[in-house]
C-alpha atoms as a PDB file:
ATOM      1  CA  UNK A   1     269.764 184.152 104.472  1.00  0.00           C
ATOM      2  CA  UNK A   2     273.096 182.577 103.708  1.00  0.00           C
ATOM      3  CA  UNK A   3     273.110 180.689 107.010  1.00  0.00           C
ATOM      4  CA  UNK A   4     270.112 178.493 106.062  1.00  0.00           C
ATOM      5  CA  UNK A   5     271.456 177.497 102.662  1.00  0.00           C
ATOM      6  CA  UNK A   6     274.729 175.710 103.755  1.00  0.00           C
ATOM      7  CA  UNK A   7     272.806 173.763 106.429  1.00  0.00           C
ATOM      8  CA  UNK A   8     270.599 172.220 103.741  1.00  0.00           C
ATOM      9  CA  UNK A   9     273.678 171.004 101.831  1.00  0.00           C
ATOM     10  CA  UNK A  10     275.139 169.446 105.009  1.00  0.00           C
ATOM     11  CA  UNK A  11     271.889 167.580 105.712  1.00  0.00           C
ATOM     12  CA  UNK A  12     271.766 166.259 102.161  1.00  0.00           C
ATOM     13  CA  UNK A  13     275.280 164.800 102.388  1.00  0.00           C
ATOM     14  CA  UNK A  14     274.631 163.320 105.868  1.00  0.00           C
ATOM     15  CA  UNK A  15     271.465 161.670 104.576  1.00  0.00           C
ATOM     16  CA  UNK A  16     273.589 159.804 102.038  1.00  0.00           C
ATOM     17  CA  UNK A  17     276.063 158.787 104.769  1.00  0.00           C
ATOM     18  CA  UNK A  18     273.238 157.274 106.866  1.00  0.00           C
ATOM     19  CA  UNK A  19     271.582 155.494 103.949  1.00  0.00           C
ATOM     20  CA  UNK A  20     274.654 153.455 102.887  1.00  0.00           C
ATOM     21  CA  UNK A  21     275.111 151.617 106.252  1.00  0.00           C
ATOM     22  CA  UNK A  22     271.365 150.912 106.362  1.00  0.00           C
ATOM     23  CA  UNK A  23     271.591 149.322 102.920  1.00  0.00           C
ATOM     24  CA  UNK A  24     274.450 147.079 104.102  1.00  0.00           C
ATOM     25  CA  UNK A  25     272.506 146.187 107.226  1.00  0.00           C
ATOM     26  CA  UNK A  26     269.536 145.055 105.129  1.00  0.00           C
ATOM     27  CA  UNK A  27     271.829 142.944 102.920  1.00  0.00           C
ATOM     28  CA  UNK A  28     273.387 141.275 105.970  1.00  0.00           C
ATOM     29  CA  UNK A  29     269.949 140.576 107.491  1.00  0.00           C
ATOM     30  CA  UNK A  30     268.699 139.005 104.247  1.00  0.00           C
ATOM     31  CA  UNK A  31     271.845 136.839 104.093  1.00  0.00           C
ATOM     32  CA  UNK A  32     271.353 135.694 107.712  1.00  0.00           C
ATOM     33  CA  UNK A  33     267.696 134.913 106.989  1.00  0.00           C
ATOM     34  CA  UNK A  34     268.622 132.664 104.056  1.00  0.00           C
ATOM     35  CA  UNK A  35     271.270 130.908 106.152  1.00  0.00           C
ATOM     36  CA  UNK A  36     268.610 130.205 108.780  1.00  0.00           C
ATOM     37  CA  UNK A  37     266.213 128.832 106.153  1.00  0.00           C
ATOM     38  CA  UNK A  38     268.895 126.542 104.697  1.00  0.00           C
ATOM     39  CA  UNK A  39     269.746 125.273 108.196  1.00  0.00           C
ATOM     40  CA  UNK A  40     266.078 124.599 108.993  1.00  0.00           C
ATOM     41  CA  UNK A  41     265.633 122.618 105.769  1.00  0.00           C
ATOM     42  CA  UNK A  42     268.791 120.597 106.483  1.00  0.00           C
ATOM     43  CA  UNK A  43     267.611 119.742 110.004  1.00  0.00           C
ATOM     44  CA  UNK A  44     264.251 118.565 108.691  1.00  0.00           C
ATOM     45  CA  UNK A  45     265.446 116.336 105.827  1.00  0.00           C
ATOM     46  CA  UNK A  46     268.582 114.712 107.256  1.00  0.00           C
ATOM     47  CA  UNK A  47     268.291 111.044 108.142  1.00  0.00           C
ATOM     48  CA  UNK A  48     267.632 110.174 111.756  1.00  0.00           C
ATOM     49  CA  UNK A  49     270.618 109.008 113.726  1.00  0.00           C
ATOM     50  CA  UNK A  50     270.567 106.274 116.323  1.00  0.00           C
ATOM     51  CA  UNK A  51     268.527 107.473 119.269  1.00  0.00           C
ATOM     52  CA  UNK A  52     267.826 105.585 122.434  1.00  0.00           C
ATOM     53  CA  UNK A  53     266.369 107.252 125.483  1.00  0.00           C
ATOM     54  CA  UNK A  54     266.866 106.113 129.048  1.00  0.00           C
ATOM     55  CA  UNK A  55     263.307 104.768 129.084  1.00  0.00           C
ATOM     56  CA  UNK A  56     264.009 102.648 125.986  1.00  0.00           C
ATOM     57  CA  UNK A  57     267.247 101.275 127.452  1.00  0.00           C
ATOM     58  CA  UNK A  58     265.445 100.304 130.672  1.00  0.00           C
ATOM     59  CA  UNK A  59     262.630  98.677 128.703  1.00  0.00           C
ATOM     60  CA  UNK A  60     265.118  96.668 126.604  1.00  0.00           C
ATOM     61  CA  UNK A  61     266.958  95.531 129.736  1.00  0.00           C
ATOM     62  CA  UNK A  62     263.651  94.505 131.366  1.00  0.00           C
ATOM     63  CA  UNK A  63     262.587  92.543 128.265  1.00  0.00           C
ATOM     64  CA  UNK A  64     265.967  90.808 128.137  1.00  0.00           C
ATOM     65  CA  UNK A  65     265.692  89.873 131.814  1.00  0.00           C
ATOM     66  CA  UNK A  66     262.189  88.486 131.244  1.00  0.00           C
ATOM     67  CA  UNK A  67     263.432  86.461 128.270  1.00  0.00           C
ATOM     68  CA  UNK A  68     266.254  84.988 130.368  1.00  0.00           C
ATOM     69  CA  UNK A  69     263.838  84.196 133.179  1.00  0.00           C
ATOM     70  CA  UNK A  70     261.448  82.525 130.734  1.00  0.00           C
ATOM     71  CA  UNK A  71     264.290  80.456 129.227  1.00  0.00           C
ATOM     72  CA  UNK A  72     265.489  79.429 132.687  1.00  0.00           C
ATOM     73  CA  UNK A  73     262.038  78.189 133.704  1.00  0.00           C
ATOM     74  CA  UNK A  74     261.558  76.338 130.424  1.00  0.00           C
ATOM     75  CA  UNK A  75     258.687  78.535 129.213  1.00  0.00           C
ATOM     76  CA  UNK A  76     258.592  79.350 125.560  1.00  0.00           C
ATOM     77  CA  UNK A  77     258.366  83.020 124.842  1.00  0.00           C
ATOM     78  CA  UNK A  78     255.459  83.574 122.515  1.00  0.00           C
ATOM     79  CA  UNK A  79     256.074  85.721 119.483  1.00  0.00           C
ATOM     80  CA  UNK A  80     254.279  89.012 120.033  1.00  0.00           C
ATOM     81  CA  UNK A  81     252.793  91.398 117.544  1.00  0.00           C
ATOM     82  CA  UNK A  82     255.000  94.190 116.145  1.00  0.00           C
ATOM     83  CA  UNK A  83     253.923  97.826 116.220  1.00  0.00           C
ATOM     84  CA  UNK A  84     255.156 100.986 114.583  1.00  0.00           C
ATOM     85  CA  UNK A  85     255.620 103.745 117.180  1.00  0.00           C
ATOM     86  CA  UNK A  86     256.185 107.408 116.285  1.00  0.00           C
ATOM     87  CA  UNK A  87     259.395 108.781 117.847  1.00  0.00           C
ATOM     88  CA  UNK A  88     259.571 112.154 116.062  1.00  0.00           C
ATOM     89  CA  UNK A  89     258.073 114.757 115.715  1.00  0.00           C
ATOM     90  CA  UNK A  90     257.475 115.315 119.409  1.00  0.00           C
ATOM     91  CA  UNK A  91     253.804 116.289 119.028  1.00  0.00           C
ATOM     92  CA  UNK A  92     253.062 112.901 117.379  1.00  0.00           C
ATOM     93  CA  UNK A  93     255.380 110.805 119.611  1.00  0.00           C
ATOM     94  CA  UNK A  94     253.819 107.751 121.202  1.00  0.00           C
ATOM     95  CA  UNK A  95     251.264 106.996 118.480  1.00  0.00           C
ATOM     96  CA  UNK A  96     251.356 103.320 117.566  1.00  0.00           C
ATOM     97  CA  UNK A  97     250.167 101.400 114.517  1.00  0.00           C
ATOM     98  CA  UNK A  98     249.556  97.646 114.362  1.00  0.00           C
ATOM     99  CA  UNK A  99     251.792  95.925 111.785  1.00  0.00           C
ATOM    100  CA  UNK A 100     249.650  92.820 111.387  1.00  0.00           C
ATOM    101  CA  UNK A 101     248.385  93.650 107.899  1.00  0.00           C
ATOM    102  CA  UNK A 102     249.868  95.478 104.937  1.00  0.00           C
ATOM    103  CA  UNK A 103     250.056  99.233 105.522  1.00  0.00           C
ATOM    104  CA  UNK A 104     250.895 102.220 103.394  1.00  0.00           C
ATOM    105  CA  UNK A 105     252.518 105.314 104.861  1.00  0.00           C
ATOM    106  CA  UNK A 106     252.005 108.771 103.405  1.00  0.00           C
ATOM    107  CA  UNK A 107     250.087 112.027 103.398  1.00  0.00           C
ATOM    108  CA  UNK A 108     247.043 110.507 101.689  1.00  0.00           C
ATOM    109  CA  UNK A 109     244.074 110.160 104.061  1.00  0.00           C
ATOM    110  CA  UNK A 110     243.597 106.555 102.849  1.00  0.00           C
ATOM    111  CA  UNK A 111     246.981 105.424 104.163  1.00  0.00           C
ATOM    112  CA  UNK A 112     247.103 103.062 107.133  1.00  0.00           C
ATOM    113  CA  UNK A 113     249.710 105.337 108.700  1.00  0.00           C
ATOM    114  CA  UNK A 114     248.731 108.899 107.711  1.00  0.00           C
ATOM    115  CA  UNK A 115     251.468 111.532 107.916  1.00  0.00           C
ATOM    116  CA  UNK A 116     249.416 114.526 106.792  1.00  0.00           C
ATOM    117  CA  UNK A 117     251.349 116.700 109.289  1.00  0.00           C
ATOM    118  CA  UNK A 118     254.667 115.935 107.514  1.00  0.00           C
ATOM    119  CA  UNK A 119     255.328 118.055 104.411  1.00  0.00           C
ATOM    120  CA  UNK A 120     258.435 115.966 103.573  1.00  0.00           C
ATOM    121  CA  UNK A 121     256.546 112.694 103.120  1.00  0.00           C
ATOM    122  CA  UNK A 122     254.992 111.817  99.784  1.00  0.00           C
ATOM    123  CA  UNK A 123     251.315 111.096  99.184  1.00  0.00           C
ATOM    124  CA  UNK A 124     252.093 107.354  99.022  1.00  0.00           C
ATOM    125  CA  UNK A 125     255.566 107.183 100.541  1.00  0.00           C
ATOM    126  CA  UNK A 126     256.211 103.578 101.630  1.00  0.00           C
ATOM    127  CA  UNK A 127     254.567 100.200 102.073  1.00  0.00           C
ATOM    128  CA  UNK A 128     254.972  97.849 105.042  1.00  0.00           C
ATOM    129  CA  UNK A 129     254.007  94.212 104.471  1.00  0.00           C
ATOM    130  CA  UNK A 130     254.733  90.663 105.588  1.00  0.00           C
ATOM    131  CA  UNK A 131     256.718  88.145 103.557  1.00  0.00           C
ATOM    132  CA  UNK A 132     256.206  84.955 105.518  1.00  0.00           C
ATOM    133  CA  UNK A 133     257.196  85.825 109.098  1.00  0.00           C
ATOM    134  CA  UNK A 134     259.399  88.749 108.011  1.00  0.00           C
ATOM    135  CA  UNK A 135     258.244  92.360 108.188  1.00  0.00           C
ATOM    136  CA  UNK A 136     259.317  94.247 105.057  1.00  0.00           C
ATOM    137  CA  UNK A 137     259.323  97.911 104.017  1.00  0.00           C
ATOM    138  CA  UNK A 138     259.619  99.270 100.505  1.00  0.00           C
ATOM    139  CA  UNK A 139     259.834 102.806  99.190  1.00  0.00           C
ATOM    140  CA  UNK A 140     257.092 103.674  96.699  1.00  0.00           C
ATOM    141  CA  UNK A 141     259.153 106.126  94.634  1.00  0.00           C
ATOM    142  CA  UNK A 142     259.034 108.912  97.195  1.00  0.00           C
ATOM    143  CA  UNK A 143     260.808 112.211  96.613  1.00  0.00           C
ATOM    144  CA  UNK A 144     262.770 112.315  99.882  1.00  0.00           C
ATOM    145  CA  UNK A 145     263.387 108.582 100.238  1.00  0.00           C
ATOM    146  CA  UNK A 146     262.822 106.066 103.008  1.00  0.00           C
ATOM    147  CA  UNK A 147     265.512 105.338 105.588  1.00  0.00           C
ATOM    148  CA  UNK A 148     266.006 102.283 107.800  1.00  0.00           C
ATOM    149  CA  UNK A 149     268.501 102.887 110.616  1.00  0.00           C
ATOM    150  CA  UNK A 150     269.764 106.038 108.836  1.00  0.00           C
ATOM    151  CA  UNK A 151     270.429 104.232 105.534  1.00  0.00           C
ATOM    152  CA  UNK A 152     268.385 105.034 102.451  1.00  0.00           C
ATOM    153  CA  UNK A 153     266.708 101.974 100.988  1.00  0.00           C
ATOM    154  CA  UNK A 154     266.288 101.271  97.284  1.00  0.00           C
ATOM    155  CA  UNK A 155     264.688  97.814  97.484  1.00  0.00           C
ATOM    156  CA  UNK A 156     262.386  96.016  99.918  1.00  0.00           C
ATOM    157  CA  UNK A 157     264.174  95.787 103.260  1.00  0.00           C
ATOM    158  CA  UNK A 158     263.588  93.607 106.315  1.00  0.00           C
ATOM    159  CA  UNK A 159     262.515  95.346 109.519  1.00  0.00           C
ATOM    160  CA  UNK A 160     263.092  93.964 113.006  1.00  0.00           C
ATOM    161  CA  UNK A 161     262.209  95.090 116.525  1.00  0.00           C
ATOM    162  CA  UNK A 162     264.190  98.198 117.477  1.00  0.00           C
ATOM    163  CA  UNK A 163     264.766  99.395 113.895  1.00  0.00           C
ATOM    164  CA  UNK A 164     264.248 103.082 113.156  1.00  0.00           C
ATOM    165  CA  UNK A 165     262.221 103.904 110.055  1.00  0.00           C
ATOM    166  CA  UNK A 166     262.325 107.470 108.722  1.00  0.00           C
ATOM    167  CA  UNK A 167     259.669 108.602 106.275  1.00  0.00           C
ATOM    168  CA  UNK A 168     260.008 112.309 105.453  1.00  0.00           C
ATOM    169  CA  UNK A 169     260.659 114.048 108.761  1.00  0.00           C
ATOM    170  CA  UNK A 170     258.786 111.408 110.771  1.00  0.00           C
ATOM    171  CA  UNK A 171     260.802 108.776 112.617  1.00  0.00           C
ATOM    172  CA  UNK A 172     259.173 105.501 113.673  1.00  0.00           C
ATOM    173  CA  UNK A 173     260.504 102.670 115.813  1.00  0.00           C
ATOM    174  CA  UNK A 174     259.476  99.042 115.372  1.00  0.00           C
ATOM    175  CA  UNK A 175     258.343  97.836 118.819  1.00  0.00           C
ATOM    176  CA  UNK A 176     256.463  94.935 120.390  1.00  0.00           C
END
């Protein structure tokens, strides 16, 4: 009878020795989870840096060559319509929006450029409009701001072909 009693005491003390490392393991896992969440948020809200793919560089070189050829032959290059093309996120890339009229950008379904897929854009985030021949963008008091070429704008700003416009986590490029 005395053999069974000391074994119970040994198991009780070993149970405590196993529980303490498991508690520390849980604390470390929770810490790593929060680090991952903070990193994911940072990646989503940071301004877009300059990005130019090989396809875009080739297209720019081809357009420049055509412009030189047109100037050499005396032809006037007609001013073409500007478009807003989605660069990021990847699942929306390639969508284009005509910039002929005034457009609003945001999560609202009534916006000319709806970004309902982007949780970082505001309901009415920004407005694109023409001032004479210039294309302008202005932030409409959004929470996360509007960026042109990785710089946050506070007043109406001129947009030109090749500029990157970031609204929330969505990055657009002004193209022809």
